């Protein structure tokens, strides 16, 4: 027969849904600014999945001449 566990397991640490997803957009990029507006709107609606997607797109959006490769 299997013996029951009698001690608690350590707590699970979850990420903040918007914690590391506050990537800074490039100020003169229309695409980045549109994504920031989408992210802010999603956060107001508490749609954290949509906010995370917008932040990921901001972080991966290529900009030539600014240290990123297209």
PDB file of N, CA and C in Angstrom:
ATOM      1  N   UNK A   1       0.837  -1.176   0.000  1.00  0.00           N
ATOM      2  CA  UNK A   1       0.000   0.000   0.000  1.00  0.00           C
ATOM      3  C   UNK A   1       0.890   1.251   0.000  1.00  0.00           C
ATOM      4  N   UNK A   2       0.449   2.260  -0.707  1.00  0.00           N
ATOM      5  CA  UNK A   2       1.217   3.499  -0.809  1.00  0.00           C
ATOM      6  C   UNK A   2       0.979   4.355   0.435  1.00  0.00           C
ATOM      7  N   UNK A   3       2.063   4.886   0.975  1.00  0.00           N
ATOM      8  CA  UNK A   3       1.948   5.722   2.162  1.00  0.00           C
ATOM      9  C   UNK A   3       1.614   7.159   1.750  1.00  0.00           C
ATOM     10  N   UNK A   4       0.740   7.797   2.483  1.00  0.00           N
ATOM     11  CA  UNK A   4       0.339   9.180   2.176  1.00  0.00           C
ATOM     12  C   UNK A   4       1.435  10.156   2.556  1.00  0.00           C
ATOM     13  N   UNK A   5       1.503  11.212   1.794  1.00  0.00           N
ATOM     14  CA  UNK A   5       2.460  12.265   2.097  1.00  0.00           C
ATOM     15  C   UNK A   5       1.940  13.066   3.277  1.00  0.00           C
ATOM     16  N   UNK A   6       2.777  13.296   4.247  1.00  0.00           N
ATOM     17  CA  UNK A   6       2.343  13.976   5.472  1.00  0.00           C
ATOM     18  C   UNK A   6       2.939  15.378   5.639  1.00  0.00           C
ATOM     19  N   UNK A   7       3.719  15.810   4.681  1.00  0.00           N
ATOM     20  CA  UNK A   7       4.277  17.163   4.753  1.00  0.00           C
ATOM     21  C   UNK A   7       3.799  17.961   3.552  1.00  0.00           C
ATOM     22  N   UNK A   8       3.831  19.266   3.702  1.00  0.00           N
ATOM     23  CA  UNK A   8       3.425  20.144   2.609  1.00  0.00           C
ATOM     24  C   UNK A   8       4.564  20.305   1.608  1.00  0.00           C
ATOM     25  N   UNK A   9       4.196  20.419   0.390  1.00  0.00           N
ATOM     26  CA  UNK A   9       5.195  20.691  -0.638  1.00  0.00           C
ATOM     27  C   UNK A   9       5.467  22.197  -0.656  1.00  0.00           C
ATOM     28  N   UNK A  10       6.604  22.609  -1.190  1.00  0.00           N
ATOM     29  CA  UNK A  10       6.895  24.050  -1.249  1.00  0.00           C
ATOM     30  C   UNK A  10       5.865  24.770  -2.121  1.00  0.00           C
ATOM     31  N   UNK A  11       5.653  26.067  -1.883  1.00  0.00           N
ATOM     32  CA  UNK A  11       4.669  26.804  -2.676  1.00  0.00           C
ATOM     33  C   UNK A  11       5.112  26.965  -4.124  1.00  0.00           C
ATOM     34  N   UNK A  12       4.148  27.103  -4.985  1.00  0.00           N
ATOM     35  CA  UNK A  12       4.406  27.360  -6.392  1.00  0.00           C
ATOM     36  C   UNK A  12       4.479  28.868  -6.583  1.00  0.00           C
ATOM     37  N   UNK A  13       5.507  29.333  -7.268  1.00  0.00           N
ATOM     38  CA  UNK A  13       5.663  30.766  -7.517  1.00  0.00           C
ATOM     39  C   UNK A  13       5.254  31.060  -8.952  1.00  0.00           C
ATOM     40  N   UNK A  14       4.213  31.818  -9.117  1.00  0.00           N
ATOM     41  CA  UNK A  14       3.717  32.171 -10.435  1.00  0.00           C
ATOM     42  C   UNK A  14       4.250  33.533 -10.847  1.00  0.00           C
ATOM     43  N   UNK A  15       4.422  33.709 -12.144  1.00  0.00           N
ATOM     44  CA  UNK A  15       4.876  34.992 -12.657  1.00  0.00           C
ATOM     45  C   UNK A  15       3.744  36.009 -12.594  1.00  0.00           C
ATOM     46  N   UNK A  16       4.115  37.250 -12.420  1.00  0.00           N
ATOM     47  CA  UNK A  16       3.166  38.339 -12.564  1.00  0.00           C
ATOM     48  C   UNK A  16       2.750  38.368 -14.032  1.00  0.00           C
ATOM     49  N   UNK A  17       1.441  38.387 -14.341  1.00  0.00           N
ATOM     50  CA  UNK A  17       1.030  38.317 -15.734  1.00  0.00           C
ATOM     51  C   UNK A  17       1.573  39.455 -16.599  1.00  0.00           C
ATOM     52  N   UNK A  18       1.913  40.563 -15.985  1.00  0.00           N
ATOM     53  CA  UNK A  18       2.455  41.681 -16.764  1.00  0.00           C
ATOM     54  C   UNK A  18       3.856  42.052 -16.298  1.00  0.00           C
ATOM     55  N   UNK A  19       4.438  41.274 -15.427  1.00  0.00           N
ATOM     56  CA  UNK A  19       5.722  41.619 -14.827  1.00  0.00           C
ATOM     57  C   UNK A  19       6.826  41.913 -15.799  1.00  0.00           C
ATOM     58  N   UNK A  20       7.309  40.912 -16.512  1.00  0.00           N
ATOM     59  CA  UNK A  20       8.432  41.098 -17.419  1.00  0.00           C
ATOM     60  C   UNK A  20       7.957  41.489 -18.811  1.00  0.00           C
ATOM     61  N   UNK A  21       6.710  41.831 -18.929  1.00  0.00           N
ATOM     62  CA  UNK A  21       6.160  42.127 -20.243  1.00  0.00           C
ATOM     63  C   UNK A  21       5.971  43.616 -20.460  1.00  0.00           C
ATOM     64  N   UNK A  22       6.751  44.417 -19.791  1.00  0.00           N
ATOM     65  CA  UNK A  22       6.683  45.869 -19.958  1.00  0.00           C
ATOM     66  C   UNK A  22       7.826  46.346 -20.828  1.00  0.00           C
ATOM     67  N   UNK A  23       7.952  45.740 -21.976  1.00  0.00           N
ATOM     68  CA  UNK A  23       9.018  46.105 -22.891  1.00  0.00           C
ATOM     69  C   UNK A  23       8.790  47.525 -23.394  1.00  0.00           C
ATOM     70  N   UNK A  24       9.884  48.268 -23.500  1.00  0.00           N
ATOM     71  CA  UNK A  24       9.796  49.647 -23.959  1.00  0.00           C
ATOM     72  C   UNK A  24       9.707  49.687 -25.482  1.00  0.00           C
ATOM     73  N   UNK A  25       8.705  50.362 -26.020  1.00  0.00           N
ATOM     74  CA  UNK A  25       8.599  50.482 -27.470  1.00  0.00           C
ATOM     75  C   UNK A  25       9.549  51.561 -27.986  1.00  0.00           C
ATOM     76  N   UNK A  26       9.813  51.528 -29.271  1.00  0.00           N
ATOM     77  CA  UNK A  26      10.592  52.585 -29.908  1.00  0.00           C
ATOM     78  C   UNK A  26       9.647  53.763 -30.128  1.00  0.00           C
ATOM     79  N   UNK A  27      10.041  54.937 -29.648  1.00  0.00           N
ATOM     80  CA  UNK A  27       9.144  56.091 -29.599  1.00  0.00           C
ATOM     81  C   UNK A  27       8.623  56.547 -30.961  1.00  0.00           C
ATOM     82  N   UNK A  28       9.442  56.449 -31.994  1.00  0.00           N
ATOM     83  CA  UNK A  28       9.006  56.962 -33.293  1.00  0.00           C
ATOM     84  C   UNK A  28       8.456  55.866 -34.213  1.00  0.00           C
ATOM     85  N   UNK A  29       8.053  54.734 -33.642  1.00  0.00           N
ATOM     86  CA  UNK A  29       7.546  53.617 -34.442  1.00  0.00           C
ATOM     87  C   UNK A  29       6.022  53.536 -34.291  1.00  0.00           C
ATOM     88  N   UNK A  30       5.317  53.710 -35.397  1.00  0.00           N
ATOM     89  CA  UNK A  30       3.850  53.660 -35.368  1.00  0.00           C
ATOM     90  C   UNK A  30       3.328  52.284 -34.963  1.00  0.00           C
ATOM     91  N   UNK A  31       4.021  51.230 -35.379  1.00  0.00           N
ATOM     92  CA  UNK A  31       3.599  49.868 -35.025  1.00  0.00           C
ATOM     93  C   UNK A  31       3.711  49.671 -33.515  1.00  0.00           C
ATOM     94  N   UNK A  32       4.826  50.085 -32.939  1.00  0.00           N
ATOM     95  CA  UNK A  32       5.008  49.956 -31.489  1.00  0.00           C
ATOM     96  C   UNK A  32       3.951  50.748 -30.722  1.00  0.00           C
ATOM     97  N   UNK A  33       3.673  51.961 -31.168  1.00  0.00           N
ATOM     98  CA  UNK A  33       2.683  52.792 -30.478  1.00  0.00           C
ATOM     99  C   UNK A  33       1.284  52.158 -30.550  1.00  0.00           C
ATOM    100  N   UNK A  34       0.943  51.560 -31.682  1.00  0.00           N
ATOM    101  CA  UNK A  34      -0.351  50.884 -31.808  1.00  0.00           C
ATOM    102  C   UNK A  34      -0.407  49.676 -30.873  1.00  0.00           C
ATOM    103  N   UNK A  35       0.695  48.949 -30.756  1.00  0.00           N
ATOM    104  CA  UNK A  35       0.733  47.794 -29.858  1.00  0.00           C
ATOM    105  C   UNK A  35       0.652  48.223 -28.398  1.00  0.00           C
ATOM    106  N   UNK A  36       1.251  49.352 -28.048  1.00  0.00           N
ATOM    107  CA  UNK A  36       1.154  49.872 -26.678  1.00  0.00           C
ATOM    108  C   UNK A  36      -0.303  50.209 -26.353  1.00  0.00           C
ATOM    109  N   UNK A  37      -0.989  50.820 -27.309  1.00  0.00           N
ATOM    110  CA  UNK A  37      -2.406  51.150 -27.079  1.00  0.00           C
ATOM    111  C   UNK A  37      -3.227  49.870 -26.910  1.00  0.00           C
ATOM    112  N   UNK A  38      -2.941  48.852 -27.714  1.00  0.00           N
ATOM    113  CA  UNK A  38      -3.638  47.574 -27.571  1.00  0.00           C
ATOM    114  C   UNK A  38      -3.354  46.951 -26.213  1.00  0.00           C
ATOM    115  N   UNK A  39      -2.081  46.991 -25.780  1.00  0.00           N
ATOM    116  CA  UNK A  39      -1.700  46.415 -24.489  1.00  0.00           C
ATOM    117  C   UNK A  39      -2.392  47.143 -23.340  1.00  0.00           C
ATOM    118  N   UNK A  40      -2.400  48.473 -23.387  1.00  0.00           N
ATOM    119  CA  UNK A  40      -3.035  49.248 -22.322  1.00  0.00           C
ATOM    120  C   UNK A  40      -4.538  48.991 -22.260  1.00  0.00           C
ATOM    121  N   UNK A  41      -5.161  48.909 -23.425  1.00  0.00           N
ATOM    122  CA  UNK A  41      -6.594  48.618 -23.480  1.00  0.00           C
ATOM    123  C   UNK A  41      -6.891  47.228 -22.917  1.00  0.00           C
ATOM    124  N   UNK A  42      -6.059  46.261 -23.262  1.00  0.00           N
ATOM    125  CA  UNK A  42      -6.251  44.893 -22.755  1.00  0.00           C
ATOM    126  C   UNK A  42      -6.094  44.851 -21.239  1.00  0.00           C
ATOM    127  N   UNK A  43      -5.119  45.581 -20.714  1.00  0.00           N
ATOM    128  CA  UNK A  43      -4.931  45.610 -19.248  1.00  0.00           C
ATOM    129  C   UNK A  43      -6.132  46.246 -18.555  1.00  0.00           C
ATOM    130  N   UNK A  44      -6.703  47.280 -19.159  1.00  0.00           N
ATOM    131  CA  UNK A  44      -7.896  47.909 -18.565  1.00  0.00           C
ATOM    132  C   UNK A  44      -9.061  46.931 -18.521  1.00  0.00           C
ATOM    133  N   UNK A  45      -9.146  46.057 -19.536  1.00  0.00           N
ATOM    134  CA  UNK A  45     -10.212  45.046 -19.587  1.00  0.00           C
ATOM    135  C   UNK A  45      -9.869  43.815 -18.751  1.00  0.00           C
ATOM    136  N   UNK A  46      -8.659  43.813 -18.180  1.00  0.00           N
ATOM    137  CA  UNK A  46      -8.127  42.678 -17.418  1.00  0.00           C
ATOM    138  C   UNK A  46      -7.991  41.432 -18.291  1.00  0.00           C
ATOM    139  N   UNK A  47      -7.695  41.663 -19.555  1.00  0.00           N
ATOM    140  CA  UNK A  47      -7.438  40.591 -20.509  1.00  0.00           C
ATOM    141  C   UNK A  47      -5.922  40.434 -20.599  1.00  0.00           C
ATOM    142  N   UNK A  48      -5.354  39.733 -19.619  1.00  0.00           N
ATOM    143  CA  UNK A  48      -3.911  39.650 -19.499  1.00  0.00           C
ATOM    144  C   UNK A  48      -3.273  38.818 -20.606  1.00  0.00           C
ATOM    145  N   UNK A  49      -4.013  37.918 -21.205  1.00  0.00           N
ATOM    146  CA  UNK A  49      -3.481  37.151 -22.325  1.00  0.00           C
ATOM    147  C   UNK A  49      -3.236  38.075 -23.520  1.00  0.00           C
ATOM    148  N   UNK A  50      -4.193  38.935 -23.807  1.00  0.00           N
ATOM    149  CA  UNK A  50      -4.039  39.879 -24.918  1.00  0.00           C
ATOM    150  C   UNK A  50      -2.923  40.877 -24.616  1.00  0.00           C
ATOM    151  N   UNK A  51      -2.791  41.295 -23.366  1.00  0.00           N
ATOM    152  CA  UNK A  51      -1.718  42.216 -22.985  1.00  0.00           C
ATOM    153  C   UNK A  51      -0.358  41.549 -23.165  1.00  0.00           C
ATOM    154  N   UNK A  52      -0.262  40.286 -22.810  1.00  0.00           N
ATOM    155  CA  UNK A  52       0.995  39.554 -22.962  1.00  0.00           C
ATOM    156  C   UNK A  52       1.356  39.396 -24.436  1.00  0.00           C
ATOM    157  N   UNK A  53       0.365  39.128 -25.263  1.00  0.00           N
ATOM    158  CA  UNK A  53       0.617  38.989 -26.700  1.00  0.00           C
ATOM    159  C   UNK A  53       1.123  40.309 -27.281  1.00  0.00           C
ATOM    160  N   UNK A  54       0.482  41.413 -26.908  1.00  0.00           N
ATOM    161  CA  UNK A  54       0.917  42.724 -27.401  1.00  0.00           C
ATOM    162  C   UNK A  54       2.334  43.037 -26.934  1.00  0.00           C
ATOM    163  N   UNK A  55       2.653  42.714 -25.682  1.00  0.00           N
ATOM    164  CA  UNK A  55       4.000  42.964 -25.168  1.00  0.00           C
ATOM    165  C   UNK A  55       5.032  42.118 -25.883  1.00  0.00           C
ATOM    166  N   UNK A  56       4.684  40.878 -26.178  1.00  0.00           N
ATOM    167  CA  UNK A  56       5.597  40.006 -26.909  1.00  0.00           C
ATOM    168  C   UNK A  56       5.848  40.548 -28.307  1.00  0.00           C
ATOM    169  N   UNK A  57       4.805  41.056 -28.935  1.00  0.00           N
ATOM    170  CA  UNK A  57       4.975  41.635 -30.272  1.00  0.00           C
ATOM    171  C   UNK A  57       5.837  42.893 -30.224  1.00  0.00           C
ATOM    172  N   UNK A  58       5.683  43.702 -29.179  1.00  0.00           N
ATOM    173  CA  UNK A  58       6.538  44.886 -29.026  1.00  0.00           C
ATOM    174  C   UNK A  58       7.990  44.454 -28.893  1.00  0.00           C
ATOM    175  N   UNK A  59       8.230  43.443 -28.066  1.00  0.00           N
ATOM    176  CA  UNK A  59       9.599  42.990 -27.818  1.00  0.00           C
ATOM    177  C   UNK A  59      10.237  42.368 -29.056  1.00  0.00           C
ATOM    178  N   UNK A  60       9.440  41.744 -29.908  1.00  0.00           N
ATOM    179  CA  UNK A  60      10.019  41.055 -31.057  1.00  0.00           C
ATOM    180  C   UNK A  60       9.911  41.859 -32.348  1.00  0.00           C
ATOM    181  N   UNK A  61       9.336  43.068 -32.283  1.00  0.00           N
ATOM    182  CA  UNK A  61       9.186  43.892 -33.476  1.00  0.00           C
ATOM    183  C   UNK A  61      10.563  44.400 -33.908  1.00  0.00           C
ATOM    184  N   UNK A  62      10.980  44.115 -35.143  1.00  0.00           N
ATOM    185  CA  UNK A  62      12.323  44.508 -35.578  1.00  0.00           C
ATOM    186  C   UNK A  62      12.417  45.994 -35.911  1.00  0.00           C
ATOM    187  N   UNK A  63      13.533  46.577 -35.556  1.00  0.00           N
ATOM    188  CA  UNK A  63      13.828  47.968 -35.892  1.00  0.00           C
ATOM    189  C   UNK A  63      15.238  48.014 -36.447  1.00  0.00           C
ATOM    190  N   UNK A  64      15.380  48.455 -37.652  1.00  0.00           N
ATOM    191  CA  UNK A  64      16.718  48.553 -38.246  1.00  0.00           C
ATOM    192  C   UNK A  64      17.392  49.816 -37.755  1.00  0.00           C
ATOM    193  N   UNK A  65      18.687  49.738 -37.552  1.00  0.00           N
ATOM    194  CA  UNK A  65      19.447  50.906 -37.145  1.00  0.00           C
ATOM    195  C   UNK A  65      19.355  51.225 -35.663  1.00  0.00           C
ATOM    196  N   UNK A  66      18.717  50.385 -34.882  1.00  0.00           N
ATOM    197  CA  UNK A  66      18.591  50.640 -33.439  1.00  0.00           C
ATOM    198  C   UNK A  66      19.127  49.469 -32.635  1.00  0.00           C
ATOM    199  N   UNK A  67      20.098  48.767 -33.180  1.00  0.00           N
ATOM    200  CA  UNK A  67      20.690  47.674 -32.445  1.00  0.00           C
ATOM    201  C   UNK A  67      19.938  46.359 -32.607  1.00  0.00           C
ATOM    202  N   UNK A  68      18.864  46.367 -33.364  1.00  0.00           N
ATOM    203  CA  UNK A  68      18.121  45.140 -33.620  1.00  0.00           C
ATOM    204  C   UNK A  68      18.258  44.785 -35.089  1.00  0.00           C
ATOM    205  N   UNK A  69      18.225  43.527 -35.363  1.00  0.00           N
ATOM    206  CA  UNK A  69      18.281  43.098 -36.758  1.00  0.00           C
ATOM    207  C   UNK A  69      16.877  42.834 -37.255  1.00  0.00           C
ATOM    208  N   UNK A  70      16.607  43.107 -38.502  1.00  0.00           N
ATOM    209  CA  UNK A  70      15.265  42.876 -39.044  1.00  0.00           C
ATOM    210  C   UNK A  70      14.947  41.408 -39.175  1.00  0.00           C
TER     211      UNK A  70
END
